[in-house]
């Protein structure tokens, strides 16, 4: 069943590759399977894309409420978002997301 879900997320990534939520869900599945190195790359992609996909009223997509719950997801988000804060300091979405980190 897990392999099947990975196949579906991988297929979704092809159709909706720019969506942070698809990349994050793929990373989470890989992380849950103990494939930390593979997961890390998808977490990085997800958190790099996340700020650009938040509009004036920021919100997480349905099903991504626990996006910062796992250690690897949270540490990758922190690393990526703090880097973005330095390179793009005027993006309010980045500040908002940093404020969401536990």
C-alpha atoms as a PDB file:
ATOM      1  CA  UNK A   1       0.000   0.000   0.000  1.00  0.00           C
ATOM      2  CA  UNK A   2       2.816   2.426   0.838  1.00  0.00           C
ATOM      3  CA  UNK A   3       4.573   1.650  -2.446  1.00  0.00           C
ATOM      4  CA  UNK A   4       1.297   2.296  -4.249  1.00  0.00           C
ATOM      5  CA  UNK A   5       0.854   5.671  -2.522  1.00  0.00           C
ATOM      6  CA  UNK A   6       4.402   6.646  -3.488  1.00  0.00           C
ATOM      7  CA  UNK A   7       3.607   5.779  -7.093  1.00  0.00           C
ATOM      8  CA  UNK A   8       0.546   8.041  -6.978  1.00  0.00           C
ATOM      9  CA  UNK A   9       2.454  10.938  -5.369  1.00  0.00           C
ATOM     10  CA  UNK A  10       5.223  10.517  -7.912  1.00  0.00           C
ATOM     11  CA  UNK A  11       2.648  10.641 -10.706  1.00  0.00           C
ATOM     12  CA  UNK A  12       0.984  13.704  -9.134  1.00  0.00           C
ATOM     13  CA  UNK A  13       4.378  15.410  -8.932  1.00  0.00           C
ATOM     14  CA  UNK A  14       4.589  15.050 -12.697  1.00  0.00           C
ATOM     15  CA  UNK A  15       1.207  16.713 -13.219  1.00  0.00           C
ATOM     16  CA  UNK A  16       1.478  19.312 -10.493  1.00  0.00           C
ATOM     17  CA  UNK A  17       5.242  19.467  -9.993  1.00  0.00           C
ATOM     18  CA  UNK A  18       5.286  23.039  -8.757  1.00  0.00           C
ATOM     19  CA  UNK A  19       2.925  22.396  -5.844  1.00  0.00           C
ATOM     20  CA  UNK A  20       4.723  22.463  -2.506  1.00  0.00           C
ATOM     21  CA  UNK A  21       2.085  20.169  -1.011  1.00  0.00           C
ATOM     22  CA  UNK A  22       2.730  17.354  -3.501  1.00  0.00           C
ATOM     23  CA  UNK A  23       6.476  17.596  -2.871  1.00  0.00           C
ATOM     24  CA  UNK A  24       5.926  17.665   0.896  1.00  0.00           C
ATOM     25  CA  UNK A  25       3.601  14.648   0.866  1.00  0.00           C
ATOM     26  CA  UNK A  26       6.080  12.694  -1.234  1.00  0.00           C
ATOM     27  CA  UNK A  27       8.856  13.655   1.199  1.00  0.00           C
ATOM     28  CA  UNK A  28       6.745  12.628   4.186  1.00  0.00           C
ATOM     29  CA  UNK A  29       6.017   9.219   2.686  1.00  0.00           C
ATOM     30  CA  UNK A  30       9.703   8.683   1.945  1.00  0.00           C
ATOM     31  CA  UNK A  31      10.627   9.876   5.452  1.00  0.00           C
ATOM     32  CA  UNK A  32       8.085   7.482   6.988  1.00  0.00           C
ATOM     33  CA  UNK A  33       9.709   4.644   5.017  1.00  0.00           C
ATOM     34  CA  UNK A  34      13.144   5.512   6.407  1.00  0.00           C
ATOM     35  CA  UNK A  35      14.420   6.967   3.126  1.00  0.00           C
ATOM     36  CA  UNK A  36      15.781  10.139   4.705  1.00  0.00           C
ATOM     37  CA  UNK A  37      18.120  11.154   1.875  1.00  0.00           C
ATOM     38  CA  UNK A  38      15.382  10.923  -0.735  1.00  0.00           C
ATOM     39  CA  UNK A  39      12.941  12.704   1.563  1.00  0.00           C
ATOM     40  CA  UNK A  40      15.373  15.560   2.227  1.00  0.00           C
ATOM     41  CA  UNK A  41      15.433  16.604  -1.419  1.00  0.00           C
ATOM     42  CA  UNK A  42      11.640  16.718  -1.660  1.00  0.00           C
ATOM     43  CA  UNK A  43      11.358  18.613   1.640  1.00  0.00           C
ATOM     44  CA  UNK A  44      13.825  21.190   0.285  1.00  0.00           C
ATOM     45  CA  UNK A  45      11.834  21.597  -2.931  1.00  0.00           C
ATOM     46  CA  UNK A  46       8.578  21.907  -0.991  1.00  0.00           C
ATOM     47  CA  UNK A  47       9.833  24.633   1.331  1.00  0.00           C
ATOM     48  CA  UNK A  48      11.502  26.580  -1.473  1.00  0.00           C
ATOM     49  CA  UNK A  49       8.186  26.671  -3.349  1.00  0.00           C
ATOM     50  CA  UNK A  50       5.952  27.258  -0.372  1.00  0.00           C
ATOM     51  CA  UNK A  51       6.345  31.072  -0.030  1.00  0.00           C
ATOM     52  CA  UNK A  52       5.552  31.745  -3.682  1.00  0.00           C
ATOM     53  CA  UNK A  53       2.329  29.730  -3.407  1.00  0.00           C
ATOM     54  CA  UNK A  54       0.927  31.708  -0.485  1.00  0.00           C
ATOM     55  CA  UNK A  55      -1.323  34.600  -1.430  1.00  0.00           C
ATOM     56  CA  UNK A  56      -2.408  37.618   0.567  1.00  0.00           C
ATOM     57  CA  UNK A  57      -4.329  35.357   2.909  1.00  0.00           C
ATOM     58  CA  UNK A  58      -1.810  32.658   3.688  1.00  0.00           C
ATOM     59  CA  UNK A  59      -2.954  29.182   4.520  1.00  0.00           C
ATOM     60  CA  UNK A  60      -1.776  25.616   4.324  1.00  0.00           C
ATOM     61  CA  UNK A  61      -3.471  23.403   1.804  1.00  0.00           C
ATOM     62  CA  UNK A  62      -5.874  20.729   3.004  1.00  0.00           C
ATOM     63  CA  UNK A  63      -3.892  17.895   4.537  1.00  0.00           C
ATOM     64  CA  UNK A  64      -0.695  19.859   5.162  1.00  0.00           C
ATOM     65  CA  UNK A  65      -1.551  21.020   8.674  1.00  0.00           C
ATOM     66  CA  UNK A  66       1.228  18.888  10.196  1.00  0.00           C
ATOM     67  CA  UNK A  67       3.871  20.104   7.788  1.00  0.00           C
ATOM     68  CA  UNK A  68       6.304  21.082  10.547  1.00  0.00           C
ATOM     69  CA  UNK A  69       5.683  18.094  12.829  1.00  0.00           C
ATOM     70  CA  UNK A  70       8.568  15.797  11.873  1.00  0.00           C
ATOM     71  CA  UNK A  71      12.152  16.650  12.788  1.00  0.00           C
ATOM     72  CA  UNK A  72      13.460  16.423   9.208  1.00  0.00           C
ATOM     73  CA  UNK A  73      10.602  18.476   7.781  1.00  0.00           C
ATOM     74  CA  UNK A  74      10.954  21.155  10.470  1.00  0.00           C
ATOM     75  CA  UNK A  75      14.753  21.410  10.217  1.00  0.00           C
ATOM     76  CA  UNK A  76      14.650  21.572   6.416  1.00  0.00           C
ATOM     77  CA  UNK A  77      11.927  24.230   6.538  1.00  0.00           C
ATOM     78  CA  UNK A  78      13.947  26.268   9.019  1.00  0.00           C
ATOM     79  CA  UNK A  79      17.095  26.046   6.908  1.00  0.00           C
ATOM     80  CA  UNK A  80      15.347  26.942   3.639  1.00  0.00           C
ATOM     81  CA  UNK A  81      13.167  29.697   5.081  1.00  0.00           C
ATOM     82  CA  UNK A  82      16.017  31.379   6.976  1.00  0.00           C
ATOM     83  CA  UNK A  83      18.067  31.346   3.762  1.00  0.00           C
ATOM     84  CA  UNK A  84      15.135  32.873   1.865  1.00  0.00           C
ATOM     85  CA  UNK A  85      14.730  35.506   4.577  1.00  0.00           C
ATOM     86  CA  UNK A  86      18.308  36.644   3.919  1.00  0.00           C
ATOM     87  CA  UNK A  87      18.081  36.563   0.118  1.00  0.00           C
ATOM     88  CA  UNK A  88      14.515  37.897  -0.177  1.00  0.00           C
ATOM     89  CA  UNK A  89      13.895  39.930   2.999  1.00  0.00           C
ATOM     90  CA  UNK A  90      10.844  41.764   1.662  1.00  0.00           C
ATOM     91  CA  UNK A  91       8.714  38.651   1.094  1.00  0.00           C
ATOM     92  CA  UNK A  92       6.039  38.639   3.806  1.00  0.00           C
ATOM     93  CA  UNK A  93       5.208  34.997   3.120  1.00  0.00           C
ATOM     94  CA  UNK A  94       8.686  33.959   4.246  1.00  0.00           C
ATOM     95  CA  UNK A  95       8.325  35.842   7.537  1.00  0.00           C
ATOM     96  CA  UNK A  96       4.861  34.371   8.034  1.00  0.00           C
ATOM     97  CA  UNK A  97       6.139  30.822   7.495  1.00  0.00           C
ATOM     98  CA  UNK A  98       9.102  31.332   9.828  1.00  0.00           C
ATOM     99  CA  UNK A  99       6.585  32.447  12.440  1.00  0.00           C
ATOM    100  CA  UNK A 100       4.706  29.172  11.959  1.00  0.00           C
ATOM    101  CA  UNK A 101       7.718  27.056  12.884  1.00  0.00           C
ATOM    102  CA  UNK A 102       7.336  25.414  16.309  1.00  0.00           C
END
